[in-house]
Protein backbone atom coordinates (compact mmCIF):
# COMPACT_ATOMS: atom_id res chain seq x y z
CA THR A 1 0.42 -0.01 -0.19
CA GLN A 2 1.17 3.27 -0.93
CA LYS A 3 2.05 5.44 2.38
CA TYR A 4 2.50 8.89 0.61
CA VAL A 5 1.49 11.14 -2.49
CA THR A 6 3.77 13.25 -3.73
CA GLY A 7 3.24 16.24 -6.47
CA GLU A 8 5.22 18.81 -8.25
CA VAL A 9 3.56 22.05 -9.84
CA LYS A 10 5.54 24.47 -11.53
CA PHE A 11 5.13 27.87 -12.61
CA LYS A 12 6.76 29.71 -15.38
CA LEU A 13 6.36 33.29 -15.56
CA TYR A 14 8.29 35.32 -18.50
CA LYS A 15 10.08 38.76 -17.96
CA GLY A 16 9.92 40.88 -21.09
CA ASN A 17 9.54 40.25 -24.71
CA ILE A 18 9.31 36.36 -25.44
CA ILE A 19 11.24 37.12 -28.56
CA LYS A 20 13.96 39.10 -27.01
CA ALA A 21 15.02 36.36 -24.96
CA GLY A 22 13.34 38.01 -22.11
CA GLN A 23 14.25 36.23 -18.26
CA LEU A 24 11.98 33.13 -17.21
CA SER A 25 11.54 32.68 -13.55
CA GLU A 26 9.83 29.19 -12.41
CA THR A 27 8.25 28.22 -9.19
CA VAL A 28 8.17 25.01 -7.76
CA ALA A 29 5.00 23.96 -5.03
CA TYR A 30 5.11 20.18 -3.66
CA TYR A 31 2.80 18.78 -2.40
CA ASN A 32 3.03 16.07 0.25
CA LEU A 33 -0.16 13.99 1.14
CA ASN A 34 -0.67 11.02 3.46
CA ALA A 35 -2.55 8.49 0.97
CA GLN A 36 -4.81 6.90 3.45
CA THR A 37 -5.93 10.03 4.77
CA GLY A 38 -5.52 13.16 2.85
CA GLU A 39 -3.77 14.73 5.15
CA GLU A 40 -0.72 17.36 3.93
CA LEU A 41 2.37 16.21 5.53
CA THR A 42 4.70 18.19 7.53
CA LEU A 43 8.80 17.90 7.61
CA GLN A 44 8.13 17.41 11.28
CA GLN A 45 5.52 14.67 11.06
CA LEU A 46 8.16 12.83 8.92
CA LEU A 47 11.37 13.83 10.41
CA GLY A 48 10.47 14.32 14.10
CA ASP A 49 10.26 17.21 16.69
CA ASN A 50 13.79 17.80 15.85
CA TYR A 51 13.46 17.75 12.57
CA ILE A 52 15.07 21.66 12.18
CA GLU A 53 18.11 20.05 13.85
CA ILE A 54 18.32 16.84 11.92
CA ALA A 55 17.85 18.72 8.44
CA ASN A 56 20.35 21.56 9.15
CA LYS A 57 23.04 19.26 9.97
CA GLU A 58 22.51 16.72 7.07
CA ILE A 59 22.12 19.35 4.44
CA ARG A 60 25.58 21.64 5.93
CA SER A 61 27.46 17.97 5.88
CA GLN A 62 25.91 17.45 2.25
CA ILE A 63 27.05 21.33 1.34
CA GLU A 64 30.47 20.74 2.88
CA GLU A 65 31.11 17.48 0.61
CA ARG A 66 29.38 18.85 -2.26
CA ASN A 67 31.81 21.78 -2.38
CA ALA A 68 35.04 19.97 -1.32
CA GLN A 69 34.51 17.64 -4.64
CA SER A 70 34.01 20.93 -6.64
CA GLU A 71 36.57 23.18 -8.26
CA TYR A 72 34.81 25.93 -7.17
CA PRO A 73 32.20 26.36 -4.56
CA LEU A 74 28.88 25.07 -5.94
CA PHE A 75 27.22 26.71 -3.26
CA PHE A 76 27.08 30.60 -1.23
CA THR A 77 29.82 30.72 1.32
CA ASP A 78 29.01 34.57 2.47
CA GLU A 79 25.58 36.01 3.88
CA ASN A 80 23.47 34.41 1.31
CA ALA A 81 25.22 31.01 2.61
CA PHE A 82 22.51 28.16 3.83
CA GLN A 83 21.36 29.17 7.90
CA THR A 84 18.59 26.78 8.32
CA ILE A 85 15.04 25.73 6.97
CA ASN A 86 11.78 26.05 8.71
CA ASP A 87 8.28 25.06 8.59
CA GLN A 88 7.86 26.66 4.95
CA THR A 89 11.07 24.84 3.48
CA LYS A 90 10.23 23.14 0.35
CA PHE A 91 10.29 19.15 0.23
CA TYR A 92 8.88 16.34 -1.58
CA ILE A 93 9.20 12.03 -1.08
CA ASN A 94 10.82 10.17 -3.49
CA SER A 95 10.44 6.85 -4.87
CA ASN A 96 12.36 5.16 -1.93
CA ASN A 97 10.42 7.18 0.13
CA GLN A 98 13.08 9.51 1.38
CA VAL A 99 12.57 12.97 2.40
CA VAL A 100 14.14 15.31 -0.11
CA ILE A 101 14.33 18.90 0.73
CA VAL A 102 14.57 21.38 -2.17
CA PHE A 103 15.76 24.94 -2.31
CA ASP A 104 14.65 27.39 -5.09
CA LYS A 105 17.71 28.42 -7.77
CA TYR A 106 19.55 31.09 -6.35
CA GLU A 107 18.41 30.72 -2.59
CA ILE A 108 21.52 29.17 -1.59
CA ALA A 109 23.47 28.90 -4.50
CA PRO A 110 24.37 30.35 -8.00
CA GLY A 111 22.25 29.86 -10.59
CA SER A 112 24.49 27.59 -12.01
CA THR A 113 23.81 24.97 -9.04
CA GLY A 114 19.72 24.99 -10.71
CA ARG A 115 17.27 23.73 -7.57
CA PRO A 116 19.72 22.02 -5.01
CA GLU A 117 18.23 18.68 -3.23
CA PHE A 118 19.51 17.19 -0.23
CA VAL A 119 18.19 13.68 0.43
CA ILE A 120 17.79 13.21 3.97
CA PRO A 121 18.96 9.23 4.76
CA GLN A 122 16.50 6.48 6.21
CA GLU A 123 19.57 6.26 8.85
CA ILE A 124 19.13 9.59 10.12
CA LEU A 125 15.00 9.47 10.12
CA LEU A 126 15.10 5.85 11.76
CA SER A 127 17.81 6.89 14.58
CA SER A 128 16.07 10.39 15.17
CA LYS A 129 12.72 8.68 16.17
């Protein structure tokens, strides 16, 4: 039986004259529902009461690892660098039932990084509950 239903909705907005290659802005919204009840799921329900601490620690670790593996930093290291998640942070549940936290383009990294995604490993979820 399927436990979760996750959906992604993309909104594309064009600024300027399309013929003159105006800027394209994309907004993505995620909807995560309990498949049995239809209730919208929260990060706190999925990761536990310490969800902010758990997610922040894992995201910081993955950012450090990715930056170390690259010739140049993939994520901002100045005042725009990742600080913390909150109850409005975007996420979805992948096909392996893992929580994937997503940031908008330019939110914590240069545009060339795209929309950074961070998978929260199952081992972390199990040990935090």
